[in-house]
């Protein structure tokens, strides 16, 4: 076993032990101390958030490029883990009173909303200004996030007494929806920037931004139901659970990649191409390879017809089973996001294919130029030799 694999194995072993300790201590606290009623799916999500904190923190410490994106993700997940502490606050619970419970719940939710938006906003800023200093990127991200947050939460920031004014809960959730829409704008902006410009960034960031898209969509739907005073079904927690699993798989794969010899070499080569004066072709990710496979197979009309018929039947059956409510809306949103993502991936793959052709043409041209220069040098040397013989 290579040294790199041993280091990765030891690192994952440490992460696993810390995560298990958190689960054990968390479960003991839940059994011994009074707390709010907590569905099992919500408890599992808290545990997954803590695992994301560990994996993103490890990626920040291990990586060299775009590392602060992972630091932001670790902070984002940690703010969510803080909700595990809030469930013990209250007059009839472990400590504090109802006022402290109300303050803790409200201001933590506001903090979650701001940190989520800031984490997402930093990604397109880092992509567009990748050669800038880190504090400059954070300054730009804060300037794009905090003024909007102040517009939505200024009453709660200027006075905590505003929490006890009638109808304030609806204003808080309206602020959550507004911040989510602002974050969605920057997700779409990042997608446009990746499609238009060719700047170096870790391939796993694209997968993370897709996971964030799902996360913000689910959270927006949750906040909308809270806004209209509708209870959330267990299905909401299940959707979040699945998305967090996707997040964890992406972070795990990224940790293996940035720790590998190939990953370190390729990313250093990719981020240094302008300094070296060369063009480094982007490697195809597994998602791109799957898309190529699907596009090649679905060029045959029977397969395409079967695919669309299966999708239509699935949609009809689902709408018949869930004619109203949260499940129907979430399913429609997921279908729309999946369709939009497939269209975007198709456009991105066409652009990458053009980049490959341009890169190969440039490489061929460079080889031809080098051969021509070598031939000219050889002819010049031969002429000089001939002149010497005549003399």
Protein backbone atom coordinates (compact mmCIF):
# COMPACT_ATOMS: atom_id res chain seq x y z
CA UNK A 1 0.00 0.00 0.00
CA UNK A 2 1.36 3.42 -1.02
CA UNK A 3 2.12 6.18 1.45
CA UNK A 4 -0.72 8.32 0.09
CA UNK A 5 -3.31 5.58 0.57
CA UNK A 6 -2.09 4.99 4.12
CA UNK A 7 -2.48 8.71 4.90
CA UNK A 8 -6.01 8.76 3.47
CA UNK A 9 -6.93 5.62 5.42
CA UNK A 10 -5.62 7.11 8.69
CA UNK A 11 -7.41 10.39 8.05
CA UNK A 12 -10.72 8.67 7.37
CA UNK A 13 -10.24 6.51 10.46
CA UNK A 14 -9.86 9.63 12.62
CA UNK A 15 -12.93 11.22 11.02
CA UNK A 16 -14.97 8.06 11.57
CA UNK A 17 -13.97 7.84 15.25
CA UNK A 18 -14.85 11.49 15.91
CA UNK A 19 -18.19 11.04 14.16
CA UNK A 20 -19.01 7.91 16.17
CA UNK A 21 -18.14 9.71 19.40
CA UNK A 22 -20.49 12.54 18.45
CA UNK A 23 -23.28 10.06 17.74
CA UNK A 24 -22.72 8.27 21.05
CA UNK A 25 -22.60 11.44 23.16
CA UNK A 26 -25.54 12.92 21.29
CA UNK A 27 -27.63 9.81 21.83
CA UNK A 28 -26.73 9.72 25.54
CA UNK A 29 -27.76 13.38 25.96
CA UNK A 30 -31.06 12.70 24.21
CA UNK A 31 -31.77 9.81 26.59
CA UNK A 32 -30.72 11.57 29.80
CA UNK A 33 -31.94 15.14 29.32
CA UNK A 34 -35.30 16.64 28.41
CA UNK A 35 -35.57 18.02 24.88
CA UNK A 36 -38.06 18.97 22.22
CA UNK A 37 -39.81 16.24 20.33
CA UNK A 38 -37.36 15.22 17.60
CA UNK A 39 -38.28 12.94 14.68
CA UNK A 40 -35.71 10.26 13.99
CA UNK A 41 -35.06 11.57 10.46
CA UNK A 42 -34.16 15.00 11.87
CA UNK A 43 -31.75 13.38 14.34
CA UNK A 44 -30.08 11.48 11.50
CA UNK A 45 -29.74 14.71 9.56
CA UNK A 46 -27.95 16.36 12.50
CA UNK A 47 -25.50 13.47 12.54
CA UNK A 48 -24.92 13.81 8.79
CA UNK A 49 -24.34 17.55 9.13
CA UNK A 50 -21.60 16.85 11.66
CA UNK A 51 -19.99 14.36 9.26
CA UNK A 52 -20.03 17.08 6.60
CA UNK A 53 -18.24 19.39 9.05
CA UNK A 54 -15.47 16.80 9.44
CA UNK A 55 -15.12 15.95 5.74
CA UNK A 56 -15.19 19.57 4.58
CA UNK A 57 -12.70 20.52 7.28
CA UNK A 58 -10.39 17.72 6.14
CA UNK A 59 -10.70 18.88 2.52
CA UNK A 60 -9.80 22.42 3.63
CA UNK A 61 -6.70 21.22 5.46
CA UNK A 62 -5.63 18.83 2.70
CA UNK A 63 -6.37 20.82 -0.44
CA UNK A 64 -4.39 23.59 -2.10
CA UNK A 65 -6.91 25.05 -4.54
CA UNK A 66 -10.41 26.41 -3.82
CA UNK A 67 -9.84 25.26 -0.24
CA UNK A 68 -11.84 28.08 1.33
CA UNK A 69 -14.97 26.83 -0.41
CA UNK A 70 -14.68 23.76 1.82
CA UNK A 71 -14.03 25.87 4.90
CA UNK A 72 -17.28 27.72 4.19
CA UNK A 73 -19.11 24.41 3.78
CA UNK A 74 -17.74 23.24 7.14
CA UNK A 75 -19.01 26.45 8.80
CA UNK A 76 -22.35 26.12 7.00
CA UNK A 77 -22.82 22.57 8.30
CA UNK A 78 -21.67 23.51 11.82
CA UNK A 79 -24.33 26.24 12.05
CA UNK A 80 -26.91 23.57 11.28
CA UNK A 81 -25.42 21.27 13.94
CA UNK A 82 -26.01 24.06 16.47
CA UNK A 83 -29.69 23.24 16.18
CA UNK A 84 -28.94 20.07 18.14
CA UNK A 85 -28.16 22.30 21.16
CA UNK A 86 -31.26 24.45 20.71
CA UNK A 87 -33.60 21.47 21.20
CA UNK A 88 -32.55 21.28 24.89
CA UNK A 89 -33.50 24.93 25.64
CA UNK A 90 -36.80 25.81 27.32
CA UNK A 91 -38.56 26.13 30.65
CA UNK A 92 -39.73 22.52 30.65
CA UNK A 93 -36.50 21.21 29.16
CA UNK A 94 -32.84 20.93 30.17
CA UNK A 95 -31.90 24.60 30.68
CA UNK A 96 -33.03 28.16 30.03
CA UNK A 97 -36.55 29.52 29.74
CA UNK A 98 -39.05 30.07 26.96
CA UNK A 99 -37.57 33.50 26.10
CA UNK A 100 -34.11 32.02 25.61
CA UNK A 101 -35.65 29.22 23.57
CA UNK A 102 -37.38 31.73 21.32
CA UNK A 103 -34.24 33.85 20.90
CA UNK A 104 -32.02 30.86 20.19
CA UNK A 105 -34.38 29.35 17.64
CA UNK A 106 -35.05 32.63 15.78
CA UNK A 107 -31.51 34.00 15.59
CA UNK A 108 -30.02 30.63 14.73
CA UNK A 109 -32.45 30.37 11.80
CA UNK A 110 -31.41 33.84 10.66
CA UNK A 111 -27.76 32.86 10.98
CA UNK A 112 -28.39 29.69 8.95
CA UNK A 113 -30.04 31.73 6.22
CA UNK A 114 -27.14 34.20 5.98
CA UNK A 115 -24.36 31.59 6.17
CA UNK A 116 -26.04 29.43 3.50
CA UNK A 117 -26.28 32.38 1.11
CA UNK A 118 -22.71 33.48 1.87
CA UNK A 119 -21.35 29.96 1.28
CA UNK A 120 -23.01 29.82 -2.13
CA UNK A 121 -22.11 33.40 -3.12
CA UNK A 122 -18.42 32.79 -2.39
CA UNK A 123 -18.23 30.03 -5.05
CA UNK A 124 -18.85 32.20 -8.16
CA UNK A 125 -16.69 34.94 -6.61
CA UNK A 126 -13.85 32.46 -6.16
CA UNK A 127 -14.33 31.21 -9.72
CA UNK A 128 -14.38 34.65 -11.31
CA UNK A 129 -11.58 36.08 -9.13
CA UNK A 130 -9.52 32.93 -8.63
CA UNK A 131 -6.20 34.78 -8.85
CA UNK A 132 -7.16 37.36 -6.21
CA UNK A 133 -6.28 37.25 -2.54
CA UNK A 134 -8.58 35.36 -0.21
CA UNK A 135 -9.58 38.37 1.89
CA UNK A 136 -10.63 40.20 -1.29
CA UNK A 137 -12.93 37.33 -2.26
CA UNK A 138 -14.50 37.29 1.19
CA UNK A 139 -14.95 41.04 1.11
CA UNK A 140 -16.78 40.84 -2.23
CA UNK A 141 -18.95 37.95 -1.00
CA UNK A 142 -19.85 39.81 2.20
CA UNK A 143 -20.73 42.95 0.24
CA UNK A 144 -23.03 40.88 -1.96
CA UNK A 145 -24.67 39.04 0.95
CA UNK A 146 -24.92 41.23 4.06
CA UNK A 147 -26.83 44.23 2.59
CA UNK A 148 -29.57 41.90 1.30
CA UNK A 149 -29.65 40.12 4.67
CA UNK A 150 -29.97 43.47 6.45
CA UNK A 151 -32.94 44.41 4.25
CA UNK A 152 -34.78 41.24 5.28
CA UNK A 153 -33.70 41.05 8.93
CA UNK A 154 -33.03 44.66 9.92
CA UNK A 155 -35.93 44.76 12.41
CA UNK A 156 -34.70 41.62 14.17
CA UNK A 157 -31.08 42.83 14.11
CA UNK A 158 -31.82 46.32 15.48
CA UNK A 159 -34.13 45.12 18.27
CA UNK A 160 -34.71 41.67 19.74
CA UNK A 161 -38.12 42.88 20.97
CA UNK A 162 -39.35 42.72 17.39
CA UNK A 163 -39.59 38.95 17.87
CA UNK A 164 -42.69 39.49 20.02
CA UNK A 165 -44.58 41.67 17.52
CA UNK A 166 -47.55 40.08 15.81
CA UNK A 167 -46.95 38.47 12.44
CA UNK A 168 -43.16 38.55 12.88
CA UNK A 169 -42.85 34.80 12.20
CA UNK A 170 -44.21 35.29 8.68
CA UNK A 171 -41.64 38.05 8.14
CA UNK A 172 -38.81 35.75 9.26
CA UNK A 173 -39.83 33.01 6.84
CA UNK A 174 -40.34 35.58 4.11
CA UNK A 175 -36.74 36.61 4.75
CA UNK A 176 -35.60 32.98 4.51
CA UNK A 177 -37.33 32.64 1.13
CA UNK A 178 -35.79 35.91 -0.07
CA UNK A 179 -32.27 34.86 0.93
CA UNK A 180 -32.77 31.49 -0.78
CA UNK A 181 -33.81 33.24 -3.99
CA UNK A 182 -30.70 35.42 -3.74
CA UNK A 183 -28.57 32.30 -3.32
CA UNK A 184 -30.32 30.67 -6.29
CA UNK A 185 -29.38 33.68 -8.42
CA UNK A 186 -25.70 33.08 -7.68
CA UNK A 187 -26.02 29.36 -8.38
CA UNK A 188 -27.38 30.19 -11.84
CA UNK A 189 -24.69 32.88 -12.22
CA UNK A 190 -22.00 30.31 -11.47
CA UNK A 191 -23.51 27.93 -14.07
CA UNK A 192 -23.38 30.75 -16.64
CA UNK A 193 -19.77 31.61 -15.78
CA UNK A 194 -18.65 27.98 -16.12
CA UNK A 195 -20.41 27.78 -19.49
CA UNK A 196 -18.92 31.05 -20.76
CA UNK A 197 -15.40 31.13 -19.31
CA UNK A 198 -12.65 28.58 -18.97
CA UNK A 199 -11.18 29.15 -15.54
CA UNK A 200 -9.54 26.54 -13.28
CA UNK A 201 -11.64 25.14 -10.44
CA UNK A 202 -11.91 21.75 -8.75
CA UNK A 203 -14.32 19.50 -10.61
CA UNK A 204 -16.07 18.50 -7.37
CA UNK A 205 -17.19 22.11 -6.85
CA UNK A 206 -19.56 21.71 -9.81
CA UNK A 207 -21.12 18.68 -8.12
CA UNK A 208 -21.36 20.56 -4.83
CA UNK A 209 -23.12 23.49 -6.49
CA UNK A 210 -25.69 21.03 -7.89
CA UNK A 211 -26.21 19.61 -4.40
CA UNK A 212 -26.63 23.17 -3.10
CA UNK A 213 -29.25 23.74 -5.80
CA UNK A 214 -31.25 20.80 -4.47
CA UNK A 215 -30.70 21.94 -0.89
CA UNK A 216 -31.92 25.51 -1.53
CA UNK A 217 -34.94 24.22 -3.48
CA UNK A 218 -35.94 21.90 -0.61
CA UNK A 219 -35.34 24.60 2.01
CA UNK A 220 -37.36 27.15 0.01
CA UNK A 221 -40.29 24.76 -0.19
CA UNK A 222 -40.05 24.10 3.57
CA UNK A 223 -40.03 27.81 4.36
CA UNK A 224 -42.97 28.42 2.04
CA UNK A 225 -45.05 25.82 3.90
CA UNK A 226 -44.07 27.40 7.22
CA UNK A 227 -45.03 30.80 5.79
CA UNK A 228 -48.55 29.60 4.93
CA UNK A 229 -48.82 27.78 8.28
CA UNK A 230 -48.82 24.27 6.83
CA UNK A 231 -47.11 21.41 8.71
CA UNK A 232 -44.19 19.68 7.03
CA UNK A 233 -44.47 15.93 6.36
CA UNK A 234 -41.72 13.42 7.13
CA UNK A 235 -40.99 13.37 3.41
CA UNK A 236 -39.25 16.75 3.81
CA UNK A 237 -36.68 15.26 6.16
CA UNK A 238 -36.21 12.28 3.85
CA UNK A 239 -35.41 14.57 0.90
CA UNK A 240 -32.89 16.44 3.03
CA UNK A 241 -31.39 13.15 4.23
CA UNK A 242 -30.84 11.97 0.64
CA UNK A 243 -29.30 15.27 -0.38
CA UNK A 244 -26.94 15.22 2.60
CA UNK A 245 -25.85 11.71 1.60
CA UNK A 246 -25.08 13.08 -1.88
CA UNK A 247 -23.10 15.89 -0.26
CA UNK A 248 -21.10 13.39 1.79
CA UNK A 249 -20.33 11.18 -1.22
CA UNK A 250 -19.04 14.21 -3.15
CA UNK A 251 -16.86 15.32 -0.23
CA UNK A 252 -15.49 11.79 0.22
CA UNK A 253 -14.59 11.49 -3.45
CA UNK A 254 -13.01 14.95 -3.36
CA UNK A 255 -10.93 14.00 -0.31
CA UNK A 256 -9.60 10.91 -2.09
CA UNK A 257 -8.91 12.96 -5.21
CA UNK A 258 -7.03 15.88 -3.61
CA UNK A 259 -5.01 13.40 -1.53
CA UNK A 260 -3.96 11.29 -4.53
CA UNK A 261 -0.72 11.87 -6.45
CA UNK A 262 -2.62 12.29 -9.71
CA UNK A 263 -5.05 14.81 -8.22
CA UNK A 264 -2.26 16.94 -6.76
CA UNK A 265 -0.27 16.83 -10.01
CA UNK A 266 -3.22 17.54 -12.31
CA UNK A 267 -4.65 20.42 -10.26
CA UNK A 268 -1.22 22.04 -9.91
CA UNK A 269 -0.77 21.70 -13.67
CA UNK A 270 -4.28 23.06 -14.34
CA UNK A 271 -3.97 26.07 -12.06
CA UNK A 272 -0.50 26.91 -13.43
CA UNK A 273 -1.30 26.73 -17.15
CA UNK A 274 -1.23 30.50 -17.64
CA UNK A 275 2.13 30.82 -15.90
CA UNK A 276 3.53 27.96 -17.98
CA UNK A 277 2.01 29.33 -21.19
CA UNK A 278 0.27 26.06 -22.08
CA UNK A 279 -3.29 24.80 -22.46
CA UNK A 280 -4.38 21.96 -20.18
CA UNK A 281 -7.42 20.07 -21.42
CA UNK A 282 -10.06 19.41 -18.75
CA UNK A 283 -10.37 15.79 -17.78
CA UNK A 284 -13.80 14.29 -18.24
CA UNK A 285 -15.65 13.60 -15.01
CA UNK A 286 -17.74 10.50 -14.42
CA UNK A 287 -20.90 12.57 -14.84
CA UNK A 288 -19.74 13.68 -18.30
CA UNK A 289 -18.89 10.10 -19.24
CA UNK A 290 -22.33 8.93 -18.11
CA UNK A 291 -23.95 11.74 -20.10
CA UNK A 292 -21.97 10.73 -23.19
CA UNK A 293 -23.08 7.14 -22.74
CA UNK A 294 -26.73 8.17 -22.36
CA UNK A 295 -26.61 10.54 -25.33
CA UNK A 296 -25.07 7.86 -27.54
CA UNK A 297 -27.67 5.28 -26.53
CA UNK A 298 -30.61 7.65 -26.73
CA UNK A 299 -29.76 8.61 -30.29
CA UNK A 300 -31.63 5.42 -31.24
CA UNK A 301 -35.31 6.32 -31.50
CA UNK A 302 -36.77 3.23 -29.70
CA UNK A 303 -34.69 3.94 -26.59
CA UNK A 304 -35.67 7.60 -26.65
CA UNK A 305 -39.35 6.72 -27.07
CA UNK A 306 -39.16 4.25 -24.18
CA UNK A 307 -37.48 6.89 -21.97
CA UNK A 308 -40.13 9.57 -22.57
CA UNK A 309 -42.99 7.09 -22.16
CA UNK A 310 -41.53 5.86 -18.87
CA UNK A 311 -41.13 9.45 -17.61
CA UNK A 312 -44.71 10.35 -18.59
CA UNK A 313 -46.13 7.25 -16.89
CA UNK A 314 -44.08 7.92 -13.75
CA UNK A 315 -45.31 11.53 -13.52
CA UNK A 316 -48.96 10.55 -14.03
CA UNK A 317 -48.80 7.75 -11.45
CA UNK A 318 -47.09 10.00 -8.89
CA UNK A 319 -49.60 12.81 -9.33
CA UNK A 320 -52.43 10.32 -8.89
CA UNK A 321 -50.93 9.02 -5.64
CA UNK A 322 -50.06 12.50 -4.31
CA UNK A 323 -52.70 14.82 -5.79
CA UNK A 324 -51.99 17.65 -3.33
CA UNK A 325 -49.51 18.93 -0.80
CA UNK A 326 -45.79 18.98 -0.17
CA UNK A 327 -44.92 15.76 -1.99
CA UNK A 328 -46.51 16.92 -5.23
CA UNK A 329 -44.74 20.27 -5.21
CA UNK A 330 -41.39 18.75 -4.29
CA UNK A 331 -41.71 16.16 -7.04
CA UNK A 332 -42.50 18.83 -9.65
CA UNK A 333 -39.55 20.92 -8.49
CA UNK A 334 -37.19 17.94 -8.65
CA UNK A 335 -38.41 17.06 -12.16
CA UNK A 336 -37.85 20.65 -13.35
CA UNK A 337 -34.40 20.84 -11.76
CA UNK A 338 -33.41 17.48 -13.25
CA UNK A 339 -34.58 18.53 -16.72
CA UNK A 340 -32.77 21.87 -16.45
CA UNK A 341 -29.61 20.13 -15.24
CA UNK A 342 -29.67 17.68 -18.16
CA UNK A 343 -30.06 20.51 -20.65
CA UNK A 344 -27.23 22.42 -18.99
CA UNK A 345 -24.95 19.37 -18.96
CA UNK A 346 -25.63 18.86 -22.66
CA UNK A 347 -24.61 22.47 -23.39
CA UNK A 348 -21.53 22.13 -21.19
CA UNK A 349 -20.46 18.91 -22.90
CA UNK A 350 -20.76 20.54 -26.33
CA UNK A 351 -18.57 23.38 -25.12
CA UNK A 352 -16.03 20.94 -23.66
CA UNK A 353 -16.00 19.01 -26.95
CA UNK A 354 -15.18 22.23 -28.80
CA UNK A 355 -12.43 22.97 -26.27
CA UNK A 356 -10.95 19.52 -26.88
CA UNK A 357 -10.93 20.13 -30.64
CA UNK A 358 -9.35 23.55 -30.22
CA UNK A 359 -6.76 22.13 -27.80
CA UNK A 360 -5.86 19.30 -30.17
CA UNK A 361 -5.61 21.73 -33.07
CA UNK A 362 -3.37 24.04 -31.04
CA UNK A 363 -1.21 21.08 -30.01
CA UNK A 364 -0.94 19.92 -33.63
CA UNK A 365 -0.11 23.44 -34.74
CA UNK A 366 2.58 23.70 -32.05
CA UNK A 367 4.12 20.42 -33.24
CA UNK A 368 4.07 21.63 -36.84
CA UNK A 369 5.62 24.96 -35.88
CA UNK A 370 8.31 23.18 -33.91
CA UNK A 371 9.05 20.87 -36.86
CA UNK A 372 9.20 23.86 -39.23
CA UNK A 373 11.58 25.72 -36.92
CA UNK A 374 13.78 22.64 -36.64
CA UNK A 375 13.85 22.27 -40.43
CA UNK A 376 14.80 25.92 -40.87
CA UNK A 377 17.60 25.61 -38.33
CA UNK A 378 18.87 22.48 -40.12
CA UNK A 379 18.82 24.22 -43.51
CA UNK A 380 20.63 27.25 -42.06
CA UNK A 381 23.34 25.03 -40.58
CA UNK A 382 23.72 23.20 -43.89
CA UNK A 383 24.13 26.51 -45.75
CA UNK A 384 26.77 27.61 -43.26
CA UNK A 385 28.64 24.34 -43.70
CA UNK A 386 28.53 24.75 -47.47
CA UNK A 387 29.88 28.31 -47.23
CA UNK A 388 32.78 27.11 -45.04
CA UNK A 389 33.71 24.44 -47.60
CA UNK A 390 33.76 26.99 -50.42
CA UNK A 391 36.04 29.22 -48.41
